[in-house]
Protein backbone atom coordinates (compact mmCIF):
# COMPACT_ATOMS: atom_id res chain seq x y z
CA MET A 1 136.39 -39.61 152.94
CA ILE A 2 140.28 -39.89 151.11
CA ALA A 3 141.73 -37.35 148.92
CA ASN A 4 143.88 -38.59 146.17
CA TYR A 5 144.29 -34.78 143.48
CA PRO A 6 147.57 -33.35 143.34
CA PRO A 7 149.79 -30.94 145.45
CA ASN A 8 148.44 -27.36 143.63
CA SER A 9 145.80 -28.32 141.83
CA PHE A 10 143.89 -24.90 144.08
CA ASP A 11 141.88 -23.53 140.71
CA LYS A 12 142.62 -19.69 141.34
CA ASP A 13 138.64 -19.46 140.50
CA THR A 14 137.41 -21.12 143.08
CA LEU A 15 139.11 -18.31 145.12
CA LYS A 16 137.69 -15.38 143.48
CA THR A 17 134.13 -16.95 143.18
CA LEU A 18 133.66 -17.35 146.78
CA SER A 19 135.46 -13.59 147.14
CA MET A 20 132.22 -12.78 145.29
CA ALA A 21 129.32 -14.10 147.59
CA LEU A 22 131.70 -13.20 150.31
CA ILE A 23 130.79 -9.36 148.81
CA ARG A 24 127.76 -10.50 147.75
CA ARG A 25 126.49 -11.30 150.99
CA LYS A 26 128.51 -9.02 152.90
CA SER A 27 130.29 -11.03 154.86
CA MET A 28 134.06 -11.33 156.02
CA LEU A 29 135.85 -14.59 155.97
CA ALA A 30 138.69 -15.74 159.23
CA THR A 31 140.17 -18.05 160.15
CA ALA A 32 141.83 -20.82 162.29
CA GLU A 33 144.43 -22.92 161.36
CA SER A 34 147.17 -25.68 163.03
CA CYS A 35 148.36 -28.37 160.48
CA THR A 36 148.20 -24.99 157.81
CA GLY A 37 150.22 -22.55 160.01
CA GLY A 38 147.96 -20.50 158.11
CA GLY A 39 148.54 -21.22 154.90
CA ILE A 40 144.22 -20.37 153.41
CA ALA A 41 144.79 -16.97 155.53
CA ALA A 42 147.73 -16.18 153.23
CA THR A 43 145.88 -17.86 150.05
CA CYS A 44 143.49 -15.35 150.75
CA THR A 45 145.05 -12.68 150.87
CA ASP A 46 147.65 -13.67 148.13
CA LEU A 47 143.86 -12.27 146.15
CA PRO A 48 144.66 -8.85 145.77
CA GLY A 49 141.04 -6.59 147.24
CA SER A 50 141.46 -9.62 150.33
CA SER A 51 140.60 -7.10 152.63
CA ALA A 52 136.88 -6.79 150.72
CA TRP A 53 135.71 -9.87 152.83
CA PHE A 54 139.14 -11.39 154.48
CA GLU A 55 138.59 -10.34 157.66
CA GLY A 56 141.77 -11.81 159.34
CA GLY A 57 143.49 -15.08 160.51
CA VAL A 58 144.35 -17.40 163.86
CA VAL A 59 147.29 -20.07 163.86
CA SER A 60 146.73 -21.72 166.78
CA TYR A 61 149.15 -24.66 166.91
CA SER A 62 149.63 -25.08 170.27
CA ASN A 63 147.04 -26.64 172.70
CA ALA A 64 147.03 -23.52 174.67
CA MET A 65 145.84 -21.48 172.19
CA LYS A 66 143.44 -23.02 170.86
CA SER A 67 142.42 -23.17 174.27
CA ASN A 68 143.03 -19.80 175.68
CA LEU A 69 142.83 -17.69 172.49
CA LEU A 70 140.19 -19.27 170.49
CA GLY A 71 137.83 -20.80 173.39
CA VAL A 72 138.45 -24.81 172.98
CA SER A 73 137.70 -26.03 176.41
CA ALA A 74 140.43 -28.29 178.63
CA SER A 75 137.29 -31.54 178.32
CA THR A 76 136.92 -31.47 174.33
CA LEU A 77 140.79 -31.85 174.31
CA GLU A 78 140.89 -34.20 176.70
CA HIS A 79 138.20 -37.09 175.33
CA TYR A 80 138.48 -35.99 171.70
CA GLY A 81 142.32 -34.70 171.09
CA ALA A 82 142.91 -32.04 169.25
CA VAL A 83 142.47 -33.97 166.18
CA SER A 84 138.98 -34.25 166.17
CA THR A 85 135.78 -32.23 164.58
CA GLN A 86 134.57 -31.42 168.12
CA CYS A 87 137.70 -29.31 168.09
CA ALA A 88 137.54 -27.98 165.23
CA ALA A 89 134.06 -26.98 166.00
CA ALA A 90 134.67 -25.30 168.85
CA MET A 91 138.44 -23.42 166.74
CA VAL A 92 135.88 -22.15 163.90
CA ALA A 93 133.20 -20.90 166.86
CA GLY A 94 135.97 -19.10 168.48
CA VAL A 95 136.93 -17.34 165.39
CA CYS A 96 134.11 -16.60 164.47
CA LYS A 97 133.20 -14.80 167.40
CA LEU A 98 136.83 -13.76 168.05
CA LEU A 99 136.70 -11.46 164.55
CA LYS A 100 133.80 -11.18 164.74
CA VAL A 101 132.47 -12.66 161.49
CA SER A 102 129.82 -15.04 159.97
CA VAL A 103 131.93 -16.88 158.51
CA GLY A 104 135.17 -18.91 159.45
CA VAL A 105 136.98 -21.97 158.77
CA SER A 106 139.14 -23.47 160.42
CA THR A 107 141.32 -27.33 160.87
CA THR A 108 143.03 -29.60 162.87
CA GLY A 109 144.96 -32.46 161.98
CA ILE A 110 148.55 -34.02 161.07
CA ALA A 111 150.02 -33.79 158.62
CA GLY A 112 153.59 -35.88 158.73
CA PRO A 113 156.02 -37.40 158.26
CA SER A 114 155.23 -37.92 162.32
CA GLY A 115 152.41 -37.67 164.56
CA GLY A 116 150.00 -40.36 163.23
CA THR A 117 148.32 -43.38 165.49
CA LYS A 118 146.40 -46.08 163.90
CA GLU A 119 143.64 -43.80 164.94
CA LYS A 120 144.70 -40.67 163.73
CA PRO A 121 146.73 -41.60 160.92
CA VAL A 122 149.40 -38.72 159.20
CA GLY A 123 147.09 -36.65 156.14
CA MET A 124 143.85 -37.08 158.53
CA VAL A 125 142.00 -33.16 158.90
CA CYS A 126 139.20 -31.74 160.43
CA PHE A 127 136.68 -28.76 159.61
CA GLY A 128 135.40 -27.01 160.75
CA PHE A 129 133.08 -24.47 158.67
CA MET A 130 130.71 -22.04 160.19
CA VAL A 131 128.03 -19.89 157.71
CA ASP A 132 126.00 -17.83 160.05
CA GLU A 133 124.64 -19.65 163.09
CA ASN A 134 124.87 -22.85 160.99
CA THR A 135 127.76 -24.81 161.85
CA TRP A 136 129.04 -28.64 160.30
CA THR A 137 132.52 -30.38 160.50
CA ASP A 138 134.71 -33.16 158.00
CA ILE A 139 136.96 -35.03 157.66
CA GLN A 140 139.79 -35.66 154.83
CA TYR A 141 142.39 -37.98 154.82
CA PHE A 142 144.76 -36.93 151.96
CA LYS A 143 147.51 -38.59 150.85
CA GLY A 144 151.15 -37.60 150.11
CA ASP A 145 154.51 -35.38 151.93
CA ARG A 146 153.70 -32.54 154.53
CA GLU A 147 153.16 -29.82 151.80
CA GLN A 148 150.83 -31.56 149.58
CA VAL A 149 148.51 -32.55 152.81
CA ARG A 150 149.14 -29.13 153.98
CA GLN A 151 147.85 -27.86 150.37
CA GLN A 152 145.18 -30.12 150.19
CA THR A 153 144.16 -28.76 153.55
CA ILE A 154 143.46 -25.56 151.64
CA ASP A 155 142.71 -26.23 148.92
CA HIS A 156 139.74 -28.29 150.52
CA SER A 157 138.77 -25.67 152.52
CA LEU A 158 138.14 -23.24 150.01
CA GLN A 159 136.65 -26.01 148.17
CA ILE A 160 133.86 -26.83 150.31
CA LEU A 161 133.08 -22.96 152.04
CA SER A 162 133.07 -21.96 147.74
CA GLU A 163 130.11 -24.63 146.96
CA TYR A 164 127.81 -23.40 150.11
CA LEU A 165 128.02 -20.06 149.62
CA ASN A 166 127.12 -20.15 145.58
CA LYS A 167 124.81 -23.17 146.50
């Protein structure tokens, strides 16, 4: 799916809705971020009172961090690469286990301006989501410069979690 919406289009009400859903469930959120470099965690903690629902996050930019801290297997990285749904799923499972939470999100992608290939172009982002024992992944192809790709990634991750927890 190609997302084509302007940067900074995130509705802060979505974050409030997400926070209320997490509080209602008595759940804490954890993040495992690569291409967003801690942007999801920063966005979450911009909301006053976030300590009631945000546990913390890991910026796992390197493959070594993905493996050593989050438990992404060498075979996953070798066979699928760091930018893959398989890696995103392992990252979210790892951060939820590490921080002992039941809700998590992970991001790994190519924000640009370089680093893309025909198979994995700039703007490709893989997401991992976990709620309780349910894990799923998503791939998005965002347009824009590095900042825009990262912002769209942050927005999408929080929007999807909010929608899932409020259905």
